[in-house]
Amino acid sequence: MNPRVGELTWWARQVLLTAGAVLGVVCALVTVGALLFGLRPLVFESGSMSPTIDTGDLAISHQVQADSLREGQIVSVPAGDGTRVTHRVVSVEHDHGQAVLVLRGDANEVDDATPYRVGEADVVLLHVPRLGYAVGWLSSPVGLFLLGLYAAFLVSVLVKGAPQRGPGSGAITLSSEPRVVPPTRGRRAARRRRVRRRSVLGGGLGVVLALGGVAGATAAREITPTMATFTDSVVVSGADLTAASVPAPTLSCSWGLFQRTFTWTAVPGATGYSFYADRGADPIQVSGTSYTETPGNRRYASVVAQFGTWSSPRSNEVSYQLLGSPC
């Protein structure tokens, strides 16, 4: 082999090994942060937080208790349909260890239709533009497969080691006669040091690569997609689309001595309705346009129209209470 080609090959191997080591360290740090400090990577799949955080950005969030939430923070909370919404806090009301949050995306003109009652939330600490696209692709089956091939290639390079200079490598031989030169003690010591350095380097990179593989798999499970609904632009196959808007029903209430009857306007095309007896309560599925509730302490009722897998924004809230107090 030409000495120049051998040197370039050696440098290419070192660059690949270094890149693998850096990737392993980053994955390890993300995993350790998620386990020890409650950090959560968030990939933004909508543009409702533009221009602060755009579609495809990767954010790092930290979980805090409800009493630590303040106006102006960007928080990530679970929505009623199981997705995760990340918006800015417009107002917060603390109530017995929980918080009722009113959120709004920076790109939206109105607040989210539904307040969120939470005991804890993820507060965004920082974000990296466009990195979410790479993370999302690497977390896909094709990306994980290619990462596996890349790791196998790095291990093969590590095991093979650097090219050795010797007979047949293109080095110039000054004499054709065999010549035996007994190595001095200093040369033997230098050779041993070089072998030890290579062993330590190879072992260290091997550990980092192994750690990076495990951490990368764990980090991929920890990465959470986040979005907003109905009014945000999302990116699908390179095209900008806007989700359709579903009208919300209008809720009203009539009261008796020990019960309250709630009625709402019918929404054309709705297949059913989800009635919420209070903020943060589980939905009650109703096929018609009315529901009777026996109240206790003051509550806040609302209703959502269902369209198969789609749902409308939540209706206006109606407050009600026990006994003779009207709605």
C-alpha atoms as a PDB file:
ATOM      1  CA  MET A   1       0.000   0.000   0.000  1.00  0.00           C
ATOM      2  CA  ASN A   2       1.141   3.493  -0.799  1.00  0.00           C
ATOM      3  CA  PRO A   3       2.300   5.251   2.416  1.00  0.00           C
ATOM      4  CA  ARG A   4       0.172   8.296   1.576  1.00  0.00           C
ATOM      5  CA  VAL A   5      -2.967   6.186   1.119  1.00  0.00           C
ATOM      6  CA  GLY A   6      -2.267   4.339   4.350  1.00  0.00           C
ATOM      7  CA  GLU A   7      -1.927   7.608   6.269  1.00  0.00           C
ATOM      8  CA  LEU A   8      -5.192   8.974   4.833  1.00  0.00           C
ATOM      9  CA  THR A   9      -6.975   5.727   5.745  1.00  0.00           C
ATOM     10  CA  TRP A  10      -5.662   5.986   9.300  1.00  0.00           C
ATOM     11  CA  TRP A  11      -6.911   9.556   9.652  1.00  0.00           C
ATOM     12  CA  ALA A  12     -10.334   8.626   8.222  1.00  0.00           C
ATOM     13  CA  ARG A  13     -10.635   5.871  10.829  1.00  0.00           C
ATOM     14  CA  GLN A  14      -9.707   8.258  13.607  1.00  0.00           C
ATOM     15  CA  VAL A  15     -12.356  10.777  12.471  1.00  0.00           C
ATOM     16  CA  LEU A  16     -15.057   8.082  12.403  1.00  0.00           C
ATOM     17  CA  LEU A  17     -14.039   6.764  15.820  1.00  0.00           C
ATOM     18  CA  THR A  18     -14.029  10.266  17.291  1.00  0.00           C
ATOM     19  CA  ALA A  19     -17.477  11.004  15.843  1.00  0.00           C
ATOM     20  CA  GLY A  20     -18.785   7.760  17.315  1.00  0.00           C
ATOM     21  CA  ALA A  21     -17.287   8.578  20.699  1.00  0.00           C
ATOM     22  CA  VAL A  22     -18.834  12.074  20.717  1.00  0.00           C
ATOM     23  CA  LEU A  23     -22.225  10.631  19.737  1.00  0.00           C
ATOM     24  CA  GLY A  24     -21.960   8.075  22.526  1.00  0.00           C
ATOM     25  CA  VAL A  25     -21.102  10.722  25.112  1.00  0.00           C
ATOM     26  CA  VAL A  26     -24.010  12.949  24.012  1.00  0.00           C
ATOM     27  CA  CYS A  27     -26.470  10.054  24.199  1.00  0.00           C
ATOM     28  CA  ALA A  28     -25.099   9.066  27.603  1.00  0.00           C
ATOM     29  CA  LEU A  29     -25.473  12.624  28.926  1.00  0.00           C
ATOM     30  CA  VAL A  30     -29.079  12.848  27.660  1.00  0.00           C
ATOM     31  CA  THR A  31     -29.940   9.508  29.265  1.00  0.00           C
ATOM     32  CA  VAL A  32     -28.276  10.342  32.584  1.00  0.00           C
ATOM     33  CA  GLY A  33     -30.009  13.728  32.614  1.00  0.00           C
ATOM     34  CA  ALA A  34     -33.381  12.055  31.958  1.00  0.00           C
ATOM     35  CA  LEU A  35     -32.862   9.519  34.748  1.00  0.00           C
ATOM     36  CA  LEU A  36     -31.296  11.716  37.428  1.00  0.00           C
ATOM     37  CA  PHE A  37     -32.676  15.200  36.786  1.00  0.00           C
ATOM     38  CA  GLY A  38     -36.051  14.543  35.137  1.00  0.00           C
ATOM     39  CA  LEU A  39     -34.983  15.990  31.772  1.00  0.00           C
ATOM     40  CA  ARG A  40     -37.174  15.196  28.771  1.00  0.00           C
ATOM     41  CA  PRO A  41     -36.270  15.792  25.095  1.00  0.00           C
ATOM     42  CA  LEU A  42     -39.188  17.245  23.117  1.00  0.00           C
ATOM     43  CA  VAL A  43     -39.423  17.252  19.317  1.00  0.00           C
ATOM     44  CA  PHE A  44     -41.764  19.990  18.034  1.00  0.00           C
ATOM     45  CA  GLU A  45     -44.114  18.718  15.331  1.00  0.00           C
ATOM     46  CA  SER A  46     -46.084  21.953  14.842  1.00  0.00           C
ATOM     47  CA  GLY A  47     -45.360  25.643  14.506  1.00  0.00           C
ATOM     48  CA  SER A  48     -47.664  27.045  17.187  1.00  0.00           C
ATOM     49  CA  MET A  49     -44.666  28.331  19.191  1.00  0.00           C
ATOM     50  CA  SER A  50     -43.042  30.174  16.268  1.00  0.00           C
ATOM     51  CA  PRO A  51     -40.916  32.220  16.094  1.00  0.00           C
ATOM     52  CA  THR A  52     -39.612  31.241  19.541  1.00  0.00           C
ATOM     53  CA  ILE A  53     -39.522  27.513  18.750  1.00  0.00           C
ATOM     54  CA  ASP A  54     -40.125  26.324  15.183  1.00  0.00           C
ATOM     55  CA  THR A  55     -41.280  23.036  13.720  1.00  0.00           C
ATOM     56  CA  GLY A  56     -38.481  20.468  13.840  1.00  0.00           C
ATOM     57  CA  ASP A  57     -36.665  22.031  16.806  1.00  0.00           C
ATOM     58  CA  LEU A  58     -35.491  19.876  19.718  1.00  0.00           C
ATOM     59  CA  ALA A  59     -36.117  21.195  23.236  1.00  0.00           C
ATOM     60  CA  ILE A  60     -34.928  19.986  26.626  1.00  0.00           C
ATOM     61  CA  SER A  61     -37.460  20.293  29.444  1.00  0.00           C
ATOM     62  CA  HIS A  62     -37.333  19.776  33.208  1.00  0.00           C
ATOM     63  CA  GLN A  63     -40.221  18.437  35.289  1.00  0.00           C
ATOM     64  CA  VAL A  64     -41.375  20.722  38.137  1.00  0.00           C
ATOM     65  CA  GLN A  65     -44.224  20.639  40.629  1.00  0.00           C
ATOM     66  CA  ALA A  66     -47.375  22.714  40.162  1.00  0.00           C
ATOM     67  CA  ASP A  67     -46.448  25.308  42.823  1.00  0.00           C
ATOM     68  CA  SER A  68     -43.320  26.226  40.805  1.00  0.00           C
ATOM     69  CA  LEU A  69     -45.235  27.122  37.636  1.00  0.00           C
ATOM     70  CA  ARG A  70     -45.366  30.815  36.721  1.00  0.00           C
ATOM     71  CA  GLU A  71     -46.761  33.012  33.945  1.00  0.00           C
ATOM     72  CA  GLY A  72     -44.504  33.349  30.907  1.00  0.00           C
ATOM     73  CA  GLN A  73     -42.946  29.891  31.185  1.00  0.00           C
ATOM     74  CA  ILE A  74     -43.089  27.501  28.231  1.00  0.00           C
ATOM     75  CA  VAL A  75     -44.523  24.259  29.583  1.00  0.00           C
ATOM     76  CA  SER A  76     -45.386  20.860  28.139  1.00  0.00           C
ATOM     77  CA  VAL A  77     -48.513  19.133  29.455  1.00  0.00           C
ATOM     78  CA  PRO A  78     -50.577  16.108  28.338  1.00  0.00           C
ATOM     79  CA  ALA A  79     -53.821  16.894  26.524  1.00  0.00           C
ATOM     80  CA  GLY A  80     -57.080  15.017  26.943  1.00  0.00           C
ATOM     81  CA  ASP A  81     -56.545  12.939  23.773  1.00  0.00           C
ATOM     82  CA  GLY A  82     -53.168  11.587  24.931  1.00  0.00           C
ATOM     83  CA  THR A  83     -50.994  13.948  22.879  1.00  0.00           C
ATOM     84  CA  ARG A  84     -48.668  16.511  24.435  1.00  0.00           C
ATOM     85  CA  VAL A  85     -49.089  20.286  24.067  1.00  0.00           C
ATOM     86  CA  THR A  86     -46.209  22.712  24.627  1.00  0.00           C
ATOM     87  CA  HIS A  87     -47.304  26.349  24.930  1.00  0.00           C
ATOM     88  CA  ARG A  88     -46.590  29.443  27.010  1.00  0.00           C
ATOM     89  CA  VAL A  89     -48.405  29.994  30.314  1.00  0.00           C
ATOM     90  CA  VAL A  90     -50.812  32.933  30.035  1.00  0.00           C
ATOM     91  CA  SER A  91     -52.242  32.595  33.531  1.00  0.00           C
ATOM     92  CA  VAL A  92     -51.938  30.134  36.401  1.00  0.00           C
ATOM     93  CA  GLU A  93     -54.218  29.461  39.364  1.00  0.00           C
ATOM     94  CA  HIS A  94     -52.785  27.375  42.213  1.00  0.00           C
ATOM     95  CA  ASP A  95     -55.260  25.140  44.020  1.00  0.00           C
ATOM     96  CA  HIS A  96     -54.293  22.636  46.770  1.00  0.00           C
ATOM     97  CA  GLY A  97     -51.067  21.381  45.221  1.00  0.00           C
ATOM     98  CA  GLN A  98     -52.346  21.589  41.661  1.00  0.00           C
ATOM     99  CA  ALA A  99     -52.356  24.333  39.051  1.00  0.00           C
ATOM    100  CA  VAL A 100     -54.960  25.331  36.473  1.00  0.00           C
ATOM    101  CA  LEU A 101     -53.038  26.600  33.457  1.00  0.00           C
ATOM    102  CA  VAL A 102     -54.294  28.743  30.602  1.00  0.00           C
ATOM    103  CA  LEU A 103     -51.866  28.259  27.690  1.00  0.00           C
ATOM    104  CA  ARG A 104     -51.343  29.908  24.330  1.00  0.00           C
ATOM    105  CA  GLY A 105     -48.894  29.293  21.508  1.00  0.00           C
ATOM    106  CA  ASP A 106     -46.777  32.298  20.555  1.00  0.00           C
ATOM    107  CA  ALA A 107     -48.094  32.007  16.985  1.00  0.00           C
ATOM    108  CA  ASN A 108     -51.759  31.770  18.081  1.00  0.00           C
ATOM    109  CA  GLU A 109     -54.051  34.758  18.538  1.00  0.00           C
ATOM    110  CA  VAL A 110     -56.284  33.120  21.168  1.00  0.00           C
ATOM    111  CA  ASP A 111     -55.743  30.995  24.256  1.00  0.00           C
ATOM    112  CA  ASP A 112     -56.109  27.216  24.130  1.00  0.00           C
ATOM    113  CA  ALA A 113     -59.770  26.244  24.330  1.00  0.00           C
ATOM    114  CA  THR A 114     -59.302  24.176  27.486  1.00  0.00           C
ATOM    115  CA  PRO A 115     -57.485  25.024  30.732  1.00  0.00           C
ATOM    116  CA  TYR A 116     -55.144  22.308  31.958  1.00  0.00           C
ATOM    117  CA  ARG A 117     -55.264  21.100  35.573  1.00  0.00           C
ATOM    118  CA  VAL A 118     -51.885  19.564  36.433  1.00  0.00           C
ATOM    119  CA  GLY A 119     -49.941  18.436  39.466  1.00  0.00           C
ATOM    120  CA  GLU A 120     -46.649  18.795  37.599  1.00  0.00           C
ATOM    121  CA  ALA A 121     -45.441  19.961  34.200  1.00  0.00           C
ATOM    122  CA  ASP A 122     -42.319  19.996  32.040  1.00  0.00           C
ATOM    123  CA  VAL A 123     -40.757  23.470  31.744  1.00  0.00           C
ATOM    124  CA  VAL A 124     -38.658  24.077  28.609  1.00  0.00           C
ATOM    125  CA  LEU A 125     -35.064  25.002  29.488  1.00  0.00           C
ATOM    126  CA  LEU A 126     -33.470  25.324  26.023  1.00  0.00           C
ATOM    127  CA  HIS A 127     -33.963  24.326  22.427  1.00  0.00           C
ATOM    128  CA  VAL A 128     -31.762  23.504  19.424  1.00  0.00           C
ATOM    129  CA  PRO A 129     -33.076  24.560  15.983  1.00  0.00           C
ATOM    130  CA  ARG A 130     -33.760  21.808  13.418  1.00  0.00           C
ATOM    131  CA  LEU A 131     -32.167  19.040  15.490  1.00  0.00           C
ATOM    132  CA  GLY A 132     -35.569  17.420  15.977  1.00  0.00           C
ATOM    133  CA  TYR A 133     -35.655  16.427  12.295  1.00  0.00           C
ATOM    134  CA  ALA A 134     -32.415  14.447  12.706  1.00  0.00           C
ATOM    135  CA  VAL A 135     -33.527  12.918  16.002  1.00  0.00           C
ATOM    136  CA  GLY A 136     -36.877  11.909  14.544  1.00  0.00           C
ATOM    137  CA  TRP A 137     -35.222  10.276  11.542  1.00  0.00           C
ATOM    138  CA  LEU A 138     -32.624   8.473  13.643  1.00  0.00           C
ATOM    139  CA  SER A 139     -35.404   7.166  15.911  1.00  0.00           C
ATOM    140  CA  SER A 140     -37.186   5.588  12.932  1.00  0.00           C
ATOM    141  CA  PRO A 141     -36.598   1.897  12.058  1.00  0.00           C
ATOM    142  CA  VAL A 142     -34.428   2.850   9.060  1.00  0.00           C
ATOM    143  CA  GLY A 143     -32.369   5.278  11.150  1.00  0.00           C
ATOM    144  CA  LEU A 144     -31.829   2.747  13.940  1.00  0.00           C
ATOM    145  CA  PHE A 145     -30.780   0.137  11.365  1.00  0.00           C
ATOM    146  CA  LEU A 146     -28.220   2.502   9.809  1.00  0.00           C
ATOM    147  CA  LEU A 147     -26.934   3.446  13.254  1.00  0.00           C
ATOM    148  CA  GLY A 148     -26.423  -0.255  13.947  1.00  0.00           C
ATOM    149  CA  LEU A 149     -24.434  -0.656  10.744  1.00  0.00           C
ATOM    150  CA  TYR A 150     -22.372   2.401  11.631  1.00  0.00           C
ATOM    151  CA  ALA A 151     -21.616   1.015  15.097  1.00  0.00           C
ATOM    152  CA  ALA A 152     -20.619  -2.353  13.602  1.00  0.00           C
ATOM    153  CA  PHE A 153     -18.301  -0.587  11.174  1.00  0.00           C
ATOM    154  CA  LEU A 154     -16.679   1.392  13.981  1.00  0.00           C
ATOM    155  CA  VAL A 155     -16.133  -1.775  16.013  1.00  0.00           C
ATOM    156  CA  SER A 156     -14.525  -3.469  12.993  1.00  0.00           C
ATOM    157  CA  VAL A 157     -12.215  -0.488  12.500  1.00  0.00           C
ATOM    158  CA  LEU A 158     -11.363  -0.502  16.188  1.00  0.00           C
ATOM    159  CA  VAL A 159     -10.549  -4.215  16.197  1.00  0.00           C
ATOM    160  CA  LYS A 160      -8.454  -4.009  13.011  1.00  0.00           C
ATOM    161  CA  GLY A 161      -6.407  -1.101  14.349  1.00  0.00           C
ATOM    162  CA  ALA A 162      -4.095   1.284  12.544  1.00  0.00           C
ATOM    163  CA  PRO A 163      -2.164   0.187   9.458  1.00  0.00           C
ATOM    164  CA  GLN A 164       1.305  -1.125  10.180  1.00  0.00           C
ATOM    165  CA  ARG A 165       4.407  -0.090   8.310  1.00  0.00           C
ATOM    166  CA  GLY A 166       6.549  -2.974   7.233  1.00  0.00           C
ATOM    167  CA  PRO A 167       7.536  -5.117   4.259  1.00  0.00           C
ATOM    168  CA  GLY A 168       5.160  -4.600   1.389  1.00  0.00           C
ATOM    169  CA  SER A 169       3.876  -1.261   2.674  1.00  0.00           C
ATOM    170  CA  GLY A 170       5.867   0.755   0.187  1.00  0.00           C
ATOM    171  CA  ALA A 171       8.683   1.690   2.549  1.00  0.00           C
ATOM    172  CA  ILE A 172      12.132   2.049   0.945  1.00  0.00           C
ATOM    173  CA  THR A 173      14.633  -0.688   1.850  1.00  0.00           C
ATOM    174  CA  LEU A 174      18.244   0.531   1.872  1.00  0.00           C
ATOM    175  CA  SER A 175      19.767  -2.929   1.681  1.00  0.00           C
ATOM    176  CA  SER A 176      18.601  -6.314   0.469  1.00  0.00           C
ATOM    177  CA  GLU A 177      20.734  -8.102   3.057  1.00  0.00           C
ATOM    178  CA  PRO A 178      18.967  -9.134   6.271  1.00  0.00           C
ATOM    179  CA  ARG A 179      20.064  -6.989   9.120  1.00  0.00           C
ATOM    180  CA  VAL A 180      19.465  -7.756  12.748  1.00  0.00           C
ATOM    181  CA  VAL A 181      19.610  -4.823  15.113  1.00  0.00           C
ATOM    182  CA  PRO A 182      19.021  -5.741  18.742  1.00  0.00           C
ATOM    183  CA  PRO A 183      16.541  -3.254  20.199  1.00  0.00           C
ATOM    184  CA  THR A 184      17.840  -1.178  23.013  1.00  0.00           C
ATOM    185  CA  ARG A 185      16.106  -0.964  26.367  1.00  0.00           C
ATOM    186  CA  GLY A 186      14.824   2.507  25.504  1.00  0.00           C
ATOM    187  CA  ARG A 187      13.284   1.285  22.243  1.00  0.00           C
ATOM    188  CA  ARG A 188      11.563  -1.604  24.000  1.00  0.00           C
ATOM    189  CA  ALA A 189      10.121   0.775  26.611  1.00  0.00           C
ATOM    190  CA  ALA A 190       8.870   3.166  23.942  1.00  0.00           C
ATOM    191  CA  ARG A 191       7.243   0.285  22.076  1.00  0.00           C
ATOM    192  CA  ARG A 192       5.501  -0.903  25.245  1.00  0.00           C
ATOM    193  CA  ARG A 193       4.191   2.613  25.903  1.00  0.00           C
ATOM    194  CA  ARG A 194       2.778   2.813  22.384  1.00  0.00           C
ATOM    195  CA  VAL A 195       1.030  -0.538  22.772  1.00  0.00           C
ATOM    196  CA  ARG A 196      -0.430   0.498  26.121  1.00  0.00           C
ATOM    197  CA  ARG A 197      -1.701   3.784  24.686  1.00  0.00           C
ATOM    198  CA  ARG A 198      -3.348   1.975  21.783  1.00  0.00           C
ATOM    199  CA  SER A 199      -4.920  -0.560  24.151  1.00  0.00           C
ATOM    200  CA  VAL A 200      -6.260   2.146  26.441  1.00  0.00           C
ATOM    201  CA  LEU A 201      -7.532   4.190  23.491  1.00  0.00           C
ATOM    202  CA  GLY A 202      -9.167   1.171  21.882  1.00  0.00           C
ATOM    203  CA  GLY A 203     -10.724   0.000  25.135  1.00  0.00           C
ATOM    204  CA  GLY A 204     -11.952   3.474  26.003  1.00  0.00           C
ATOM    205  CA  LEU A 205     -13.523   3.986  22.601  1.00  0.00           C
ATOM    206  CA  GLY A 206     -15.072   0.544  22.803  1.00  0.00           C
ATOM    207  CA  VAL A 207     -16.659   1.372  26.150  1.00  0.00           C
ATOM    208  CA  VAL A 208     -17.910   4.723  24.854  1.00  0.00           C
ATOM    209  CA  LEU A 209     -19.379   3.098  21.754  1.00  0.00           C
ATOM    210  CA  ALA A 210     -21.114   0.413  23.790  1.00  0.00           C
ATOM    211  CA  LEU A 211     -22.405   2.995  26.227  1.00  0.00           C
ATOM    212  CA  GLY A 212     -23.547   5.170  23.355  1.00  0.00           C
ATOM    213  CA  GLY A 213     -25.482   2.285  21.810  1.00  0.00           C
ATOM    214  CA  VAL A 214     -27.337   1.522  25.043  1.00  0.00           C
ATOM    215  CA  ALA A 215     -27.866   5.201  25.822  1.00  0.00           C
ATOM    216  CA  GLY A 216     -29.037   5.924  22.298  1.00  0.00           C
ATOM    217  CA  ALA A 217     -31.702   3.239  22.513  1.00  0.00           C
ATOM    218  CA  THR A 218     -32.838   4.545  25.887  1.00  0.00           C
ATOM    219  CA  ALA A 219     -32.791   8.159  24.736  1.00  0.00           C
ATOM    220  CA  ALA A 220     -34.876   7.264  21.694  1.00  0.00           C
ATOM    221  CA  ARG A 221     -37.582   5.951  24.029  1.00  0.00           C
ATOM    222  CA  GLU A 222     -37.395   9.109  26.155  1.00  0.00           C
ATOM    223  CA  ILE A 223     -37.857  11.528  23.245  1.00  0.00           C
ATOM    224  CA  THR A 224     -41.409  12.899  23.231  1.00  0.00           C
ATOM    225  CA  PRO A 225     -43.201  14.517  20.268  1.00  0.00           C
ATOM    226  CA  THR A 226     -45.170  17.651  21.108  1.00  0.00           C
ATOM    227  CA  MET A 227     -47.668  19.719  19.158  1.00  0.00           C
ATOM    228  CA  ALA A 228     -50.764  21.936  19.295  1.00  0.00           C
ATOM    229  CA  THR A 229     -54.128  21.336  17.650  1.00  0.00           C
ATOM    230  CA  PHE A 230     -56.511  22.833  15.113  1.00  0.00           C
ATOM    231  CA  THR A 231     -54.884  26.197  14.360  1.00  0.00           C
ATOM    232  CA  ASP A 232     -51.212  25.313  13.839  1.00  0.00           C
ATOM    233  CA  SER A 233     -49.354  24.569  10.626  1.00  0.00           C
ATOM    234  CA  VAL A 234     -47.625  21.190  10.525  1.00  0.00           C
ATOM    235  CA  VAL A 235     -45.092  19.709   8.096  1.00  0.00           C
ATOM    236  CA  VAL A 236     -46.095  16.474   6.344  1.00  0.00           C
ATOM    237  CA  SER A 237     -43.836  15.094   3.584  1.00  0.00           C
ATOM    238  CA  GLY A 238     -42.383  18.548   2.967  1.00  0.00           C
ATOM    239  CA  ALA A 239     -45.756  20.317   2.484  1.00  0.00           C
ATOM    240  CA  ASP A 240     -47.356  22.887   4.791  1.00  0.00           C
ATOM    241  CA  LEU A 241     -50.894  21.905   5.812  1.00  0.00           C
ATOM    242  CA  THR A 242     -53.425  23.549   8.128  1.00  0.00           C
ATOM    243  CA  ALA A 243     -55.782  21.336  10.133  1.00  0.00           C
ATOM    244  CA  ALA A 244     -59.505  21.941   9.715  1.00  0.00           C
ATOM    245  CA  SER A 245     -61.429  23.701  12.486  1.00  0.00           C
ATOM    246  CA  VAL A 246     -64.401  21.952  14.125  1.00  0.00           C
ATOM    247  CA  PRO A 247     -67.084  24.177  15.720  1.00  0.00           C
ATOM    248  CA  ALA A 248     -67.543  23.945  19.480  1.00  0.00           C
ATOM    249  CA  PRO A 249     -70.998  23.453  21.034  1.00  0.00           C
ATOM    250  CA  THR A 250     -72.560  26.128  23.265  1.00  0.00           C
ATOM    251  CA  LEU A 251     -73.347  24.912  26.796  1.00  0.00           C
ATOM    252  CA  SER A 252     -76.186  26.080  29.061  1.00  0.00           C
ATOM    253  CA  CYS A 253     -77.549  24.928  32.428  1.00  0.00           C
ATOM    254  CA  SER A 254     -80.921  24.669  34.207  1.00  0.00           C
ATOM    255  CA  TRP A 255     -81.107  23.913  37.919  1.00  0.00           C
ATOM    256  CA  GLY A 256     -83.273  22.170  40.445  1.00  0.00           C
ATOM    257  CA  LEU A 257     -82.924  21.534  44.168  1.00  0.00           C
ATOM    258  CA  PHE A 258     -80.493  18.613  43.993  1.00  0.00           C
ATOM    259  CA  GLN A 259     -79.495  18.397  40.368  1.00  0.00           C
ATOM    260  CA  ARG A 260     -78.358  20.402  37.390  1.00  0.00           C
ATOM    261  CA  THR A 261     -79.341  19.649  33.788  1.00  0.00           C
ATOM    262  CA  PHE A 262     -76.867  20.715  31.129  1.00  0.00           C
ATOM    263  CA  THR A 263     -77.872  21.139  27.492  1.00  0.00           C
ATOM    264  CA  TRP A 264     -75.803  22.181  24.506  1.00  0.00           C
ATOM    265  CA  THR A 265     -76.287  23.022  20.871  1.00  0.00           C
ATOM    266  CA  ALA A 266     -76.051  20.165  18.405  1.00  0.00           C
ATOM    267  CA  VAL A 267     -73.008  20.249  16.144  1.00  0.00           C
ATOM    268  CA  PRO A 268     -73.711  19.026  12.579  1.00  0.00           C
ATOM    269  CA  GLY A 269     -71.975  15.736  11.856  1.00  0.00           C
ATOM    270  CA  ALA A 270     -71.040  15.008  15.475  1.00  0.00           C
ATOM    271  CA  THR A 271     -71.193  11.313  16.415  1.00  0.00           C
ATOM    272  CA  GLY A 272     -71.309  11.969  20.172  1.00  0.00           C
ATOM    273  CA  TYR A 273     -70.214  14.333  22.916  1.00  0.00           C
ATOM    274  CA  SER A 274     -67.769  14.255  25.847  1.00  0.00           C
ATOM    275  CA  PHE A 275     -69.179  15.991  28.928  1.00  0.00           C
ATOM    276  CA  TYR A 276     -66.713  17.250  31.543  1.00  0.00           C
ATOM    277  CA  ALA A 277     -68.270  17.736  34.997  1.00  0.00           C
ATOM    278  CA  ASP A 278     -65.268  19.764  36.187  1.00  0.00           C
ATOM    279  CA  ARG A 279     -61.848  21.041  35.138  1.00  0.00           C
ATOM    280  CA  GLY A 280     -59.470  18.113  34.834  1.00  0.00           C
ATOM    281  CA  ALA A 281     -62.286  15.547  35.244  1.00  0.00           C
ATOM    282  CA  ASP A 282     -62.519  12.450  33.065  1.00  0.00           C
ATOM    283  CA  PRO A 283     -64.977  12.826  30.152  1.00  0.00           C
ATOM    284  CA  ILE A 284     -68.462  11.295  30.278  1.00  0.00           C
ATOM    285  CA  GLN A 285     -69.546  10.007  26.876  1.00  0.00           C
ATOM    286  CA  VAL A 286     -73.030  11.219  25.878  1.00  0.00           C
ATOM    287  CA  SER A 287     -74.871  10.405  22.653  1.00  0.00           C
ATOM    288  CA  GLY A 288     -77.492  13.202  22.968  1.00  0.00           C
ATOM    289  CA  THR A 289     -77.300  16.900  23.770  1.00  0.00           C
ATOM    290  CA  SER A 290     -78.038  16.923  27.507  1.00  0.00           C
ATOM    291  CA  TYR A 291     -76.734  15.496  30.772  1.00  0.00           C
ATOM    292  CA  THR A 292     -77.962  15.671  34.388  1.00  0.00           C
ATOM    293  CA  GLU A 293     -75.412  15.994  37.181  1.00  0.00           C
ATOM    294  CA  THR A 294     -75.753  15.990  40.984  1.00  0.00           C
ATOM    295  CA  PRO A 295     -73.232  18.607  42.098  1.00  0.00           C
ATOM    296  CA  GLY A 296     -71.147  18.970  45.223  1.00  0.00           C
ATOM    297  CA  ASN A 297     -68.748  21.870  45.692  1.00  0.00           C
ATOM    298  CA  ARG A 298     -68.440  24.463  42.985  1.00  0.00           C
ATOM    299  CA  ARG A 299     -67.506  22.927  39.674  1.00  0.00           C
ATOM    300  CA  TYR A 300     -66.969  24.056  36.096  1.00  0.00           C
ATOM    301  CA  ALA A 301     -68.717  22.057  33.370  1.00  0.00           C
ATOM    302  CA  SER A 302     -67.913  21.969  29.654  1.00  0.00           C
ATOM    303  CA  VAL A 303     -68.565  19.737  26.636  1.00  0.00           C
ATOM    304  CA  VAL A 304     -66.686  18.622  23.491  1.00  0.00           C
ATOM    305  CA  ALA A 305     -68.238  17.353  20.243  1.00  0.00           C
ATOM    306  CA  GLN A 306     -66.805  14.105  18.822  1.00  0.00           C
ATOM    307  CA  PHE A 307     -66.327  13.373  15.096  1.00  0.00           C
ATOM    308  CA  GLY A 308     -64.894   9.852  15.093  1.00  0.00           C
ATOM    309  CA  THR A 309     -61.208  10.366  15.902  1.00  0.00           C
ATOM    310  CA  TRP A 310     -61.631  14.168  15.657  1.00  0.00           C
ATOM    311  CA  SER A 311     -62.975  16.427  18.379  1.00  0.00           C
ATOM    312  CA  SER A 312     -64.035  20.062  18.583  1.00  0.00           C
ATOM    313  CA  PRO A 313     -62.585  22.718  20.871  1.00  0.00           C
ATOM    314  CA  ARG A 314     -64.104  22.660  24.338  1.00  0.00           C
ATOM    315  CA  SER A 315     -67.271  24.707  24.832  1.00  0.00           C
ATOM    316  CA  ASN A 316     -67.758  27.620  27.169  1.00  0.00           C
ATOM    317  CA  GLU A 317     -67.526  26.775  30.875  1.00  0.00           C
ATOM    318  CA  VAL A 318     -70.596  26.844  33.146  1.00  0.00           C
ATOM    319  CA  SER A 319     -70.032  27.001  36.909  1.00  0.00           C
ATOM    320  CA  TYR A 320     -72.507  25.328  39.268  1.00  0.00           C
ATOM    321  CA  GLN A 321     -72.872  24.399  42.936  1.00  0.00           C
ATOM    322  CA  LEU A 322     -74.996  22.343  45.348  1.00  0.00           C
ATOM    323  CA  LEU A 323     -78.533  23.176  46.514  1.00  0.00           C
ATOM    324  CA  GLY A 324     -80.375  26.362  45.687  1.00  0.00           C
ATOM    325  CA  SER A 325     -77.533  28.220  44.031  1.00  0.00           C
ATOM    326  CA  PRO A 326     -78.217  28.725  40.298  1.00  0.00           C
ATOM    327  CA  CYS A 327     -75.795  27.727  37.560  1.00  0.00           C
END
